[in-house]
C-alpha atoms as a PDB file:
ATOM      1  CA  UNK A   1     -40.182  12.920  27.429  1.00  0.00           C
ATOM      2  CA  UNK A   2     -41.035  10.513  24.656  1.00  0.00           C
ATOM      3  CA  UNK A   3     -40.530  13.241  22.071  1.00  0.00           C
ATOM      4  CA  UNK A   4     -37.073  14.002  23.452  1.00  0.00           C
ATOM      5  CA  UNK A   5     -35.997  10.239  23.258  1.00  0.00           C
ATOM      6  CA  UNK A   6     -37.139   9.927  19.715  1.00  0.00           C
ATOM      7  CA  UNK A   7     -34.962  12.695  18.631  1.00  0.00           C
ATOM      8  CA  UNK A   8     -31.931  11.326  20.294  1.00  0.00           C
ATOM      9  CA  UNK A   9     -32.156   7.670  19.039  1.00  0.00           C
ATOM     10  CA  UNK A  10     -30.429   7.274  15.742  1.00  0.00           C
ATOM     11  CA  UNK A  11     -31.883   4.867  13.151  1.00  0.00           C
ATOM     12  CA  UNK A  12     -30.051   1.532  13.006  1.00  0.00           C
ATOM     13  CA  UNK A  13     -27.622   1.240  10.107  1.00  0.00           C
ATOM     14  CA  UNK A  14     -27.286  -1.794   8.187  1.00  0.00           C
ATOM     15  CA  UNK A  15     -23.922  -2.882   6.449  1.00  0.00           C
ATOM     16  CA  UNK A  16     -24.451  -4.515   3.091  1.00  0.00           C
ATOM     17  CA  UNK A  17     -22.565  -7.572   2.250  1.00  0.00           C
ATOM     18  CA  UNK A  18     -20.978  -5.713  -0.575  1.00  0.00           C
ATOM     19  CA  UNK A  19     -19.454  -3.187   1.897  1.00  0.00           C
ATOM     20  CA  UNK A  20     -17.977  -5.944   4.044  1.00  0.00           C
ATOM     21  CA  UNK A  21     -16.458  -7.481   1.033  1.00  0.00           C
ATOM     22  CA  UNK A  22     -14.864  -4.330  -0.272  1.00  0.00           C
ATOM     23  CA  UNK A  23     -13.272  -3.676   3.081  1.00  0.00           C
ATOM     24  CA  UNK A  24     -11.939  -7.324   3.170  1.00  0.00           C
ATOM     25  CA  UNK A  25     -10.646  -6.919  -0.322  1.00  0.00           C
ATOM     26  CA  UNK A  26      -8.990  -3.671   0.518  1.00  0.00           C
ATOM     27  CA  UNK A  27      -7.238  -5.141   3.491  1.00  0.00           C
ATOM     28  CA  UNK A  28      -6.199  -8.299   1.649  1.00  0.00           C
ATOM     29  CA  UNK A  29      -4.707  -6.233  -1.298  1.00  0.00           C
ATOM     30  CA  UNK A  30      -2.825  -4.046   1.246  1.00  0.00           C
ATOM     31  CA  UNK A  31      -1.319  -7.156   2.874  1.00  0.00           C
ATOM     32  CA  UNK A  32      -0.473  -8.625  -0.422  1.00  0.00           C
ATOM     33  CA  UNK A  33       1.336  -5.446  -1.498  1.00  0.00           C
ATOM     34  CA  UNK A  34       3.267  -5.249   1.824  1.00  0.00           C
ATOM     35  CA  UNK A  35       4.562  -8.884   1.243  1.00  0.00           C
ATOM     36  CA  UNK A  36       5.251  -8.250  -2.447  1.00  0.00           C
ATOM     37  CA  UNK A  37       7.345  -5.142  -1.626  1.00  0.00           C
ATOM     38  CA  UNK A  38       9.212  -6.948   1.135  1.00  0.00           C
ATOM     39  CA  UNK A  39      10.106  -9.668  -1.301  1.00  0.00           C
ATOM     40  CA  UNK A  40      11.310  -7.094  -3.833  1.00  0.00           C
ATOM     41  CA  UNK A  41      13.410  -5.455  -1.287  1.00  0.00           C
ATOM     42  CA  UNK A  42      14.995  -8.649  -0.136  1.00  0.00           C
ATOM     43  CA  UNK A  43      15.606  -9.580  -3.812  1.00  0.00           C
ATOM     44  CA  UNK A  44      17.334  -6.306  -4.630  1.00  0.00           C
ATOM     45  CA  UNK A  45      19.158  -6.390  -1.320  1.00  0.00           C
ATOM     46  CA  UNK A  46      20.856  -9.765  -2.367  1.00  0.00           C
ATOM     47  CA  UNK A  47      22.374  -8.141  -5.517  1.00  0.00           C
ATOM     48  CA  UNK A  48      25.967  -6.841  -5.286  1.00  0.00           C
ATOM     49  CA  UNK A  49      26.724  -3.181  -5.689  1.00  0.00           C
ATOM     50  CA  UNK A  50      27.827  -3.665  -9.309  1.00  0.00           C
ATOM     51  CA  UNK A  51      24.550  -5.263 -10.322  1.00  0.00           C
ATOM     52  CA  UNK A  52      22.698  -2.471  -8.505  1.00  0.00           C
ATOM     53  CA  UNK A  53      24.672   0.060 -10.454  1.00  0.00           C
ATOM     54  CA  UNK A  54      23.772  -1.689 -13.678  1.00  0.00           C
ATOM     55  CA  UNK A  55      20.190  -1.006 -12.892  1.00  0.00           C
ATOM     56  CA  UNK A  56      20.687   2.503 -11.731  1.00  0.00           C
ATOM     57  CA  UNK A  57      20.381   2.048  -8.032  1.00  0.00           C
ATOM     58  CA  UNK A  58      22.530   2.424  -4.956  1.00  0.00           C
ATOM     59  CA  UNK A  59      21.881   0.319  -1.866  1.00  0.00           C
ATOM     60  CA  UNK A  60      20.425   3.224  -0.124  1.00  0.00           C
ATOM     61  CA  UNK A  61      17.818   3.753  -2.842  1.00  0.00           C
ATOM     62  CA  UNK A  62      16.357   0.057  -2.760  1.00  0.00           C
ATOM     63  CA  UNK A  63      13.277   0.792  -0.438  1.00  0.00           C
ATOM     64  CA  UNK A  64      12.404   4.105  -2.208  1.00  0.00           C
ATOM     65  CA  UNK A  65      12.662   2.431  -5.568  1.00  0.00           C
ATOM     66  CA  UNK A  66      10.506  -0.320  -4.616  1.00  0.00           C
ATOM     67  CA  UNK A  67       7.812   1.969  -3.225  1.00  0.00           C
ATOM     68  CA  UNK A  68       8.079   4.028  -6.585  1.00  0.00           C
ATOM     69  CA  UNK A  69       9.624   7.066  -5.077  1.00  0.00           C
ATOM     70  CA  UNK A  70      12.725   7.370  -7.337  1.00  0.00           C
ATOM     71  CA  UNK A  71      12.982   7.766 -11.092  1.00  0.00           C
ATOM     72  CA  UNK A  72      15.697   6.459 -13.449  1.00  0.00           C
ATOM     73  CA  UNK A  73      18.377   9.121 -13.983  1.00  0.00           C
ATOM     74  CA  UNK A  74      18.012   9.107 -17.801  1.00  0.00           C
ATOM     75  CA  UNK A  75      14.171   9.530 -17.662  1.00  0.00           C
ATOM     76  CA  UNK A  76      12.304  12.648 -16.819  1.00  0.00           C
ATOM     77  CA  UNK A  77       9.303  12.431 -14.461  1.00  0.00           C
ATOM     78  CA  UNK A  78       6.014  13.255 -16.302  1.00  0.00           C
END
């Protein structure tokens, strides 16, 4: 029976401090990106339609532009 139990039990894993730090940094950067994008959307949302047209956006394109999903009409995507 002891031979069966030794094959079932998995060795203990240790998480290095570097791994925890990388996970924490990735979470922190994701949160920072979220707030940065929300601020950019709010700033662009405060512009009037004429100002948005000057930079090549419509009001419905604001979120997509902040997330990098639109291209300027005079530039080709590479």
